[in-house]
Amino acid sequence: MLEIGENNAAIKAFQTSIKLDETFIAAWGNIGAALISESRHQEALPATQKVLELDPDNPTAHMNLGSIYKELGNLDQALASILKSLELKPDDSDAHMNLGGIYKKLGELDQALASTLQSLELKPDNPTALMNLGGIYKDLGKLDQALASTLKSLELKPDNADAHMLIGSIYKDLGNLDQAIASFTQHFELTSAHVETKAIISNVIDSHVRKIISQDNIPTFFDKAVDRALRGIGASQCDELKIYESLVDSKKDRFITLAKRKAKTQGQRQLDGMPISVSQGTHSLIKWKDYEIFKTANDLAIYSMIINEVRPEIIIEIGSGVGGSAIWMSDICNALGLETHIYSYDIKKPDIVNKNVTFIEFDLCKIGNSACLPLANSFMGKSKIVIEDAHVNVLNVMNELNTFLYKGDYLVIEDSSGKQRQIEEFVLIQGEKYRVDQFFLDFFGINMSCSIDSIFRVF
């Protein structure tokens, strides 16, 4: 007896019929067709094969089998099954339409066109065949014909989300971006009608559509997650649409006060911070030229973007570690064609020689008491990025750094979960000079870097 998972009432009714008579062809066929309609093709396969075992010349079963094989990626068997169906029933419009879909998947566009046109000769007002014809014309570069055919499909079936998606891609290829945005938006409005989310879904759709178009329709992994959520596909433990909405705000409202940022994040990381916990390495540390780098993969990417944007004359690193991060930053600057020099301070000087890096042995606890930062006078008037990663005497160190930080410079406080009081005190004193850069802080998710609310641009 065929085993099928969770099924709707109709499928269960057909199963009941089969229990009474396993040779009941119609019941097997109905089960297969119902599962196909739910895109459960692997489950539909044995039911459809059972029909053909009982009735080898059943043209509908051969057509359904072809559809199943097509969706499972077995195009040769799909083609053979559809051709057998048409041999038994040459005037079947749906079979010709499905044959066109298989030829399209095989890249045989001329044959796909001929089969789809044959389907429409038999059934001129089939909205699915008209949409398929539009897709074929698009692939052939015949955009005006593609547009006309797909618009005709929408006249017959206005709520066809797939047709709206195709129309959007055609308009995009025609260079009509406003119409493309409108069509893509209509597609997601239809697919997301019953999606539950705390986000304002219209805002998410608009931003998502514009982002994808700006990327020439090439999605990121997260774009794909948002896309699935807008289609209501798959179960998820998190509200991807609400996450996306909050992250879009981080780009639109990029530079804000620390107080406003705190009100938004409450000093927390998204997803309980686990992704950032493991992104520094689990069984090993990230290495560069055999030097260990005590930074996360996220931070390395963020620093490379900040460096590219600021194009600093100098980078000041407070806390050298073993020296790997300074060497890495120097190489990134070189790759960008910059003549940036790195100054790296620590109580223990790394034993590394690099022409673009100056390692300076210095006890940071002396700042604010008996000493200033060595070489600080030479930093005046130069564009810079400053990274505090020493975790000692934090407030005095930040006050010292403030003396040579100017408009357009960046101050990054790493591992800042235990430094929030000092950071807030420092920023309160400096007023509007330091603003949080949400673009970088939330590039991989809210506070998904080692710097919680503490990547600052100087104003």
Protein backbone atom coordinates (compact mmCIF):
# COMPACT_ATOMS: atom_id res chain seq x y z
CA MET A 1 0.00 0.00 0.00
CA LEU A 2 1.30 3.48 -0.90
CA GLU A 3 2.53 5.42 2.14
CA ILE A 4 1.86 9.18 1.99
CA GLY A 5 2.60 11.74 4.70
CA GLU A 6 0.28 14.47 5.95
CA ASN A 7 -2.47 14.87 3.32
CA ASN A 8 -5.52 16.99 2.81
CA ALA A 9 -9.06 15.64 3.09
CA ALA A 10 -9.40 14.93 -0.64
CA ILE A 11 -6.28 12.79 -0.77
CA LYS A 12 -7.39 10.86 2.30
CA ALA A 13 -10.73 10.20 0.65
CA PHE A 14 -8.97 8.79 -2.41
CA GLN A 15 -6.83 6.60 -0.14
CA THR A 16 -9.99 5.23 1.44
CA SER A 17 -11.23 4.25 -2.01
CA ILE A 18 -7.95 2.45 -2.73
CA LYS A 19 -8.18 0.50 0.52
CA LEU A 20 -11.48 -0.86 -0.73
CA ASP A 21 -10.08 -1.63 -4.18
CA GLU A 22 -6.37 -1.31 -5.00
CA THR A 23 -7.20 -1.50 -8.72
CA PHE A 24 -9.29 1.70 -8.54
CA ILE A 25 -7.39 3.62 -11.25
CA ALA A 26 -9.23 6.91 -10.81
CA ALA A 27 -8.31 7.09 -7.11
CA TRP A 28 -4.61 6.52 -7.80
CA GLY A 29 -4.73 9.14 -10.55
CA ASN A 30 -6.49 11.64 -8.31
CA ILE A 31 -3.94 11.16 -5.55
CA GLY A 32 -1.10 11.76 -8.01
CA ALA A 33 -2.76 14.85 -9.49
CA ALA A 34 -3.53 16.28 -6.03
CA LEU A 35 0.06 15.83 -4.89
CA ILE A 36 1.36 17.41 -8.09
CA SER A 37 -0.86 20.43 -7.45
CA GLU A 38 0.78 20.75 -4.02
CA SER A 39 4.26 20.47 -5.58
CA ARG A 40 4.85 17.19 -3.71
CA HIS A 41 6.28 15.51 -6.76
CA GLN A 42 8.34 12.81 -5.06
CA GLU A 43 5.19 11.58 -3.30
CA ALA A 44 3.15 11.83 -6.52
CA LEU A 45 5.56 9.58 -8.43
CA PRO A 46 4.53 6.15 -7.05
CA ALA A 47 0.82 6.95 -7.31
CA THR A 48 1.19 7.95 -10.97
CA GLN A 49 3.33 4.92 -11.73
CA LYS A 50 0.61 2.75 -10.17
CA VAL A 51 -1.93 4.16 -12.66
CA LEU A 52 0.32 3.14 -15.55
CA GLU A 53 0.87 -0.28 -14.02
CA LEU A 54 -2.92 -0.78 -14.11
CA ASP A 55 -3.52 1.12 -17.40
CA PRO A 56 -0.32 1.40 -19.52
CA ASP A 57 -2.03 3.47 -22.22
CA ASN A 58 -3.46 6.15 -19.96
CA PRO A 59 -2.45 9.44 -21.66
CA THR A 60 -3.19 11.62 -18.61
CA ALA A 61 -0.97 9.48 -16.40
CA HIS A 62 1.85 9.68 -18.95
CA MET A 63 1.46 13.47 -19.02
CA ASN A 64 1.45 13.67 -15.23
CA LEU A 65 4.49 11.43 -15.05
CA GLY A 66 6.25 13.78 -17.46
CA SER A 67 5.41 16.74 -15.20
CA ILE A 68 6.75 14.89 -12.18
CA TYR A 69 10.02 13.93 -13.88
CA LYS A 70 10.43 17.52 -15.09
CA GLU A 71 10.16 18.91 -11.56
CA LEU A 72 12.49 16.22 -10.22
CA GLY A 73 15.09 17.18 -12.83
CA ASN A 74 14.94 14.02 -14.91
CA LEU A 75 14.31 15.73 -18.24
CA ASP A 76 15.00 12.77 -20.52
CA GLN A 77 12.33 10.67 -18.81
CA ALA A 78 10.04 13.68 -18.69
CA LEU A 79 10.36 14.14 -22.43
CA ALA A 80 9.73 10.45 -23.12
CA SER A 81 6.60 10.43 -20.94
CA ILE A 82 5.08 13.55 -22.52
CA LEU A 83 5.79 12.29 -26.04
CA LYS A 84 4.08 9.01 -25.13
CA SER A 85 1.10 10.97 -23.83
CA LEU A 86 0.83 12.89 -27.12
CA GLU A 87 1.18 9.68 -29.11
CA LEU A 88 -1.91 8.41 -27.30
CA LYS A 89 -3.78 11.74 -27.37
CA PRO A 90 -2.35 14.14 -30.00
CA ASP A 91 -4.87 16.92 -29.38
CA ASP A 92 -4.19 17.35 -25.65
CA SER A 93 -3.50 21.05 -25.16
CA ASP A 94 -2.00 20.59 -21.68
CA ALA A 95 0.40 17.92 -22.91
CA HIS A 96 1.66 20.22 -25.68
CA MET A 97 2.06 22.99 -23.09
CA ASN A 98 4.03 20.69 -20.78
CA LEU A 99 6.16 19.52 -23.69
CA GLY A 100 7.03 23.15 -24.38
CA GLY A 101 8.08 23.54 -20.75
CA ILE A 102 10.41 20.55 -21.00
CA TYR A 103 11.97 21.77 -24.23
CA LYS A 104 12.51 25.16 -22.57
CA LYS A 105 14.30 23.49 -19.66
CA LEU A 106 16.44 21.60 -22.18
CA GLY A 107 17.34 24.89 -23.86
CA GLU A 108 15.64 23.92 -27.11
CA LEU A 109 13.72 27.16 -27.46
CA ASP A 110 12.52 26.75 -31.05
CA GLN A 111 10.86 23.43 -30.17
CA ALA A 112 9.55 24.93 -26.95
CA LEU A 113 7.96 27.73 -28.96
CA ALA A 114 6.40 25.35 -31.48
CA SER A 115 4.90 23.13 -28.77
CA THR A 116 3.50 26.04 -26.80
CA LEU A 117 1.96 27.61 -29.91
CA GLN A 118 0.40 24.22 -30.71
CA SER A 119 -1.09 24.17 -27.22
CA LEU A 120 -2.60 27.62 -27.77
CA GLU A 121 -4.05 26.60 -31.13
CA LEU A 122 -5.99 23.93 -29.30
CA LYS A 123 -6.87 26.15 -26.32
CA PRO A 124 -6.29 29.85 -27.14
CA ASP A 125 -7.33 31.26 -23.75
CA ASN A 126 -5.10 29.15 -21.52
CA PRO A 127 -3.44 31.72 -19.20
CA THR A 128 -0.65 29.34 -18.17
CA ALA A 129 0.28 28.56 -21.79
CA LEU A 130 0.23 32.29 -22.61
CA MET A 131 2.52 32.98 -19.67
CA ASN A 132 4.85 30.17 -20.76
CA LEU A 133 4.87 31.64 -24.26
CA GLY A 134 5.90 34.98 -22.78
CA GLY A 135 8.80 33.30 -20.98
CA ILE A 136 9.96 31.61 -24.18
CA TYR A 137 9.78 34.85 -26.17
CA LYS A 138 11.78 36.54 -23.39
CA ASP A 139 14.49 33.89 -23.60
CA LEU A 140 14.54 34.35 -27.38
CA GLY A 141 15.06 38.10 -26.92
CA LYS A 142 11.67 38.96 -28.43
CA LEU A 143 10.67 41.26 -25.58
CA ASP A 144 7.70 42.99 -27.22
CA GLN A 145 6.09 39.63 -28.03
CA ALA A 146 6.95 38.38 -24.55
CA LEU A 147 5.23 41.39 -23.01
CA ALA A 148 2.11 41.07 -25.16
CA SER A 149 1.68 37.37 -24.44
CA THR A 150 2.19 37.71 -20.67
CA LEU A 151 -0.15 40.71 -20.45
CA LYS A 152 -2.78 38.62 -22.25
CA SER A 153 -2.23 35.90 -19.65
CA LEU A 154 -2.86 38.43 -16.87
CA GLU A 155 -6.07 39.62 -18.51
CA LEU A 156 -7.37 36.06 -18.18
CA LYS A 157 -5.92 35.46 -14.70
CA PRO A 158 -5.08 38.75 -12.94
CA ASP A 159 -4.03 37.09 -9.67
CA ASN A 160 -1.30 34.95 -11.23
CA ALA A 161 1.72 35.90 -9.14
CA ASP A 162 4.18 34.13 -11.45
CA ALA A 163 2.93 36.12 -14.43
CA HIS A 164 3.48 39.39 -12.54
CA MET A 165 7.06 38.26 -11.79
CA LEU A 166 7.65 37.50 -15.47
CA ILE A 167 6.17 40.85 -16.51
CA GLY A 168 8.55 42.55 -14.07
CA SER A 169 11.58 40.83 -15.55
CA ILE A 170 10.47 41.73 -19.08
CA TYR A 171 9.99 45.38 -18.14
CA LYS A 172 13.41 45.34 -16.49
CA ASP A 173 15.00 44.02 -19.70
CA LEU A 174 13.16 46.74 -21.63
CA GLY A 175 14.67 49.34 -19.29
CA ASN A 176 11.32 50.35 -17.80
CA LEU A 177 12.31 50.14 -14.13
CA ASP A 178 9.19 51.85 -12.76
CA GLN A 179 6.94 49.26 -14.41
CA ALA A 180 9.32 46.49 -13.35
CA ILE A 181 9.11 47.62 -9.71
CA ALA A 182 5.31 47.81 -9.93
CA SER A 183 5.05 44.28 -11.34
CA PHE A 184 7.50 42.72 -8.90
CA THR A 185 5.63 44.49 -6.10
CA GLN A 186 2.32 43.06 -7.31
CA HIS A 187 3.89 39.60 -7.37
CA PHE A 188 4.94 39.77 -3.72
CA GLU A 189 1.68 41.41 -2.63
CA LEU A 190 -0.11 38.34 -3.99
CA THR A 191 2.30 35.76 -2.54
CA SER A 192 2.45 37.40 0.90
CA ALA A 193 -1.28 37.98 1.35
CA HIS A 194 -1.52 35.39 4.15
CA VAL A 195 2.01 35.72 5.58
CA GLU A 196 2.17 36.52 9.30
CA THR A 197 4.83 39.04 10.32
CA LYS A 198 5.34 41.96 12.70
CA ALA A 199 6.86 43.98 9.87
CA ILE A 200 5.01 46.52 7.73
CA ILE A 201 4.98 44.21 4.77
CA SER A 202 4.45 46.88 2.11
CA ASN A 203 7.69 48.59 3.21
CA VAL A 204 9.57 45.29 3.13
CA ILE A 205 8.30 44.47 -0.36
CA ASP A 206 9.24 47.89 -1.75
CA SER A 207 12.74 47.78 -0.29
CA HIS A 208 13.31 44.14 -1.26
CA VAL A 209 12.22 44.72 -4.86
CA ARG A 210 14.41 47.79 -5.29
CA LYS A 211 17.40 46.00 -3.72
CA ILE A 212 17.09 43.01 -6.04
CA ILE A 213 16.78 45.23 -9.13
CA SER A 214 19.86 47.21 -8.04
CA GLN A 215 21.76 43.90 -7.87
CA ASP A 216 20.70 43.01 -11.43
CA ASN A 217 18.34 40.34 -10.07
CA ILE A 218 21.18 38.43 -8.37
CA PRO A 219 20.05 37.61 -4.82
CA THR A 220 22.17 37.14 -1.72
CA PHE A 221 21.52 34.28 0.71
CA PHE A 222 19.53 36.66 2.91
CA ASP A 223 17.60 37.96 -0.10
CA LYS A 224 16.57 34.37 -0.76
CA ALA A 225 15.39 33.99 2.84
CA VAL A 226 13.31 37.18 2.54
CA ASP A 227 11.97 35.98 -0.79
CA ARG A 228 10.88 32.66 0.72
CA ALA A 229 9.26 34.48 3.64
CA LEU A 230 7.33 36.77 1.27
CA ARG A 231 6.07 33.67 -0.52
CA GLY A 232 5.16 31.92 2.72
CA ILE A 233 7.48 29.03 1.87
CA GLY A 234 8.90 26.93 4.69
CA ALA A 235 8.64 27.26 8.43
CA SER A 236 11.09 29.49 10.28
CA GLN A 237 11.73 30.19 13.95
CA CYS A 238 12.48 33.84 13.23
CA ASP A 239 10.54 36.60 11.53
CA GLU A 240 12.84 37.27 8.56
CA LEU A 241 10.64 40.09 7.32
CA LYS A 242 10.83 41.97 10.63
CA ILE A 243 14.58 41.41 10.73
CA TYR A 244 14.91 42.76 7.20
CA GLU A 245 12.75 45.80 8.04
CA SER A 246 14.96 46.69 11.02
CA LEU A 247 18.15 46.26 8.98
CA VAL A 248 16.90 48.44 6.13
CA ASP A 249 16.41 51.22 8.68
CA SER A 250 20.09 50.85 9.57
CA LYS A 251 20.99 51.83 6.01
CA LYS A 252 18.39 54.56 5.51
CA ASP A 253 19.01 56.21 8.89
CA ARG A 254 22.74 55.56 8.86
CA PHE A 255 24.32 58.02 11.33
CA ILE A 256 22.49 58.49 14.63
CA THR A 257 23.26 59.48 18.21
CA LEU A 258 24.31 56.80 20.66
CA ALA A 259 21.19 57.47 22.73
CA LYS A 260 18.90 56.84 19.75
CA ARG A 261 20.83 53.71 18.90
CA LYS A 262 20.54 52.37 22.45
CA ALA A 263 16.79 52.92 22.38
CA LYS A 264 16.65 50.75 19.26
CA THR A 265 18.96 47.88 20.21
CA GLN A 266 18.97 47.88 24.02
CA GLY A 267 22.62 46.91 23.60
CA GLN A 268 21.65 43.49 22.28
CA ARG A 269 22.75 41.36 19.35
CA GLN A 270 20.41 39.63 16.96
CA LEU A 271 19.86 35.87 17.26
CA ASP A 272 21.36 35.95 20.77
CA GLY A 273 24.75 36.72 19.25
CA MET A 274 25.62 33.10 18.45
CA PRO A 275 26.65 33.82 14.81
CA ILE A 276 29.18 36.38 16.02
CA SER A 277 30.41 34.07 18.78
CA VAL A 278 31.49 31.45 16.27
CA SER A 279 32.68 33.80 13.51
CA GLN A 280 36.07 34.38 15.17
CA GLY A 281 36.71 30.67 14.69
CA THR A 282 35.66 27.62 16.67
CA HIS A 283 38.38 24.96 16.73
CA SER A 284 40.97 27.47 15.43
CA LEU A 285 41.60 31.18 14.93
CA ILE A 286 41.64 32.96 11.58
CA LYS A 287 45.22 33.33 10.34
CA TRP A 288 46.86 35.74 7.95
CA LYS A 289 50.41 34.98 6.75
CA ASP A 290 50.68 32.50 9.64
CA TYR A 291 49.77 35.20 12.19
CA GLU A 292 46.66 34.70 14.29
CA ILE A 293 44.00 37.41 14.02
CA PHE A 294 41.75 37.84 17.03
CA LYS A 295 38.91 39.25 14.95
CA THR A 296 35.68 37.84 13.57
CA ALA A 297 35.07 37.12 9.92
CA ASN A 298 32.37 39.80 10.06
CA ASP A 299 34.78 42.39 11.41
CA LEU A 300 37.40 41.66 8.79
CA ALA A 301 34.80 42.31 6.09
CA ILE A 302 33.54 45.46 7.84
CA TYR A 303 37.05 46.85 8.28
CA SER A 304 37.84 46.27 4.60
CA MET A 305 34.74 48.33 3.70
CA ILE A 306 35.55 51.11 6.17
CA ILE A 307 39.11 51.29 4.85
CA ASN A 308 37.82 51.48 1.28
CA GLU A 309 35.39 54.27 2.22
CA VAL A 310 37.68 56.37 4.41
CA ARG A 311 40.92 55.67 2.49
CA PRO A 312 42.90 56.66 5.60
CA GLU A 313 46.41 58.01 5.72
CA ILE A 314 46.97 56.20 9.02
CA ILE A 315 45.32 53.46 11.06
CA ILE A 316 45.86 53.42 14.82
CA GLU A 317 45.40 50.11 16.60
CA ILE A 318 45.22 50.11 20.38
CA GLY A 319 46.06 46.54 21.34
CA SER A 320 48.38 44.67 18.98
CA GLY A 321 47.80 41.08 20.04
CA VAL A 322 50.32 39.00 18.13
CA GLY A 323 50.39 41.55 15.30
CA GLY A 324 48.34 39.66 12.74
CA SER A 325 45.55 42.20 12.41
CA ALA A 326 47.99 45.07 11.76
CA ILE A 327 49.69 43.07 9.00
CA TRP A 328 46.29 42.20 7.52
CA MET A 329 45.16 45.85 7.51
CA SER A 330 48.40 46.90 5.87
CA ASP A 331 47.91 44.33 3.09
CA ILE A 332 44.29 45.43 2.56
CA CYS A 333 45.45 49.02 2.20
CA ASN A 334 48.14 47.97 -0.27
CA ALA A 335 45.58 46.03 -2.30
CA LEU A 336 43.45 49.21 -2.49
CA GLY A 337 46.42 51.23 -3.70
CA LEU A 338 46.70 53.21 -0.47
CA GLU A 339 49.91 54.35 1.21
CA THR A 340 48.44 53.92 4.67
CA HIS A 341 50.71 53.45 7.66
CA ILE A 342 49.60 51.37 10.66
CA TYR A 343 50.56 52.33 14.22
CA SER A 344 49.90 49.55 16.71
CA TYR A 345 50.28 49.94 20.50
CA ASP A 346 50.58 47.28 23.17
CA ILE A 347 52.36 46.65 26.45
CA LYS A 348 54.15 43.81 24.66
CA LYS A 349 55.53 44.63 21.23
CA PRO A 350 55.14 41.88 18.57
CA ASP A 351 58.41 40.71 17.05
CA ILE A 352 57.41 41.52 13.46
CA VAL A 353 59.04 43.79 10.90
CA ASN A 354 56.84 45.36 8.22
CA LYS A 355 57.63 48.57 6.34
CA ASN A 356 54.04 49.83 6.59
CA VAL A 357 53.51 48.93 10.26
CA THR A 358 55.05 50.52 13.34
CA PHE A 359 54.62 48.46 16.50
CA ILE A 360 55.03 50.55 19.65
CA GLU A 361 55.58 49.14 23.11
CA PHE A 362 53.60 51.23 25.58
CA ASP A 363 51.65 50.78 28.81
CA LEU A 364 48.21 52.27 28.11
CA CYS A 365 47.51 52.50 31.83
CA LYS A 366 49.87 55.52 31.93
CA ILE A 367 47.51 57.62 29.77
CA GLY A 368 45.74 60.28 31.82
CA ASN A 369 48.36 60.10 34.53
CA SER A 370 51.96 60.65 33.54
CA ALA A 371 52.03 60.13 29.77
CA CYS A 372 50.40 60.73 26.41
CA LEU A 373 50.25 58.34 23.49
CA PRO A 374 53.69 58.20 21.79
CA LEU A 375 53.81 59.80 18.30
CA ALA A 376 50.37 61.39 18.82
CA ASN A 377 51.60 64.74 17.54
CA SER A 378 52.34 63.19 14.13
CA PHE A 379 48.68 62.13 13.74
CA MET A 380 47.32 65.65 13.63
CA GLY A 381 45.54 66.62 10.42
CA LYS A 382 45.68 63.16 8.85
CA SER A 383 42.66 61.05 7.90
CA LYS A 384 42.48 58.03 10.13
CA ILE A 385 40.72 54.99 11.51
CA VAL A 386 41.26 54.26 15.19
CA ILE A 387 40.54 50.82 16.68
CA GLU A 388 40.50 50.38 20.43
CA ASP A 389 41.03 46.71 21.33
CA ALA A 390 43.10 46.86 24.51
CA HIS A 391 40.39 46.79 27.22
CA VAL A 392 42.42 48.78 29.76
CA ASN A 393 42.03 52.36 30.99
CA VAL A 394 39.28 52.72 28.38
CA LEU A 395 37.87 56.14 29.21
CA ASN A 396 41.28 57.83 29.43
CA VAL A 397 42.40 56.14 26.23
CA MET A 398 39.29 57.40 24.39
CA ASN A 399 39.84 60.92 25.74
CA GLU A 400 43.41 60.79 24.45
CA LEU A 401 42.28 59.54 21.03
CA ASN A 402 39.73 62.35 20.87
CA THR A 403 42.52 64.95 20.72
CA PHE A 404 43.46 63.93 17.17
CA LEU A 405 40.15 62.64 15.74
CA TYR A 406 38.57 64.92 13.13
CA LYS A 407 35.55 65.05 10.85
CA GLY A 408 35.34 61.95 8.66
CA ASP A 409 37.59 59.80 10.88
CA TYR A 410 36.34 56.58 12.45
CA LEU A 411 36.60 55.35 16.03
CA VAL A 412 35.83 51.67 16.61
CA ILE A 413 35.59 50.25 20.12
CA GLU A 414 35.94 46.47 19.95
CA ASP A 415 34.59 43.89 22.41
CA SER A 416 32.48 46.68 23.85
CA SER A 417 29.91 44.71 25.85
CA GLY A 418 31.91 45.43 29.02
CA LYS A 419 32.78 49.01 28.05
CA GLN A 420 29.31 50.49 27.62
CA ARG A 421 29.43 52.74 30.70
CA GLN A 422 32.74 54.31 29.64
CA ILE A 423 31.56 54.72 26.03
CA GLU A 424 28.34 56.44 27.12
CA GLU A 425 30.24 58.77 29.44
CA PHE A 426 32.73 59.64 26.70
CA VAL A 427 30.07 60.31 24.05
CA LEU A 428 27.96 62.35 26.50
CA ILE A 429 30.90 64.69 27.08
CA GLN A 430 31.67 65.03 23.36
CA GLY A 431 28.06 65.69 22.35
CA GLU A 432 27.32 65.45 18.60
CA LYS A 433 30.92 64.83 17.56
CA TYR A 434 30.51 61.02 17.54
CA ARG A 435 27.60 59.34 15.78
CA VAL A 436 26.94 55.63 15.50
CA ASP A 437 27.28 54.22 11.97
CA GLN A 438 24.41 51.74 11.76
CA PHE A 439 25.32 50.77 8.19
CA PHE A 440 28.42 48.93 9.34
CA LEU A 441 27.14 47.85 12.76
CA ASP A 442 24.17 46.03 11.23
CA PHE A 443 25.70 44.92 7.91
CA PHE A 444 25.41 41.26 8.97
CA GLY A 445 22.50 41.76 11.39
CA ILE A 446 21.94 44.02 14.40
CA ASN A 447 25.27 44.38 16.23
CA MET A 448 26.71 41.35 14.45
CA SER A 449 30.26 42.55 14.93
CA CYS A 450 32.54 42.63 17.96
CA SER A 451 31.50 46.28 18.47
CA ILE A 452 28.11 46.59 20.16
CA ASP A 453 26.75 50.05 19.24
CA SER A 454 30.35 51.28 19.01
CA ILE A 455 31.41 52.01 15.43
CA PHE A 456 31.53 55.81 15.36
CA ARG A 457 32.06 58.33 12.62
CA VAL A 458 33.41 61.71 13.65
CA PHE A 459 31.35 64.78 12.72
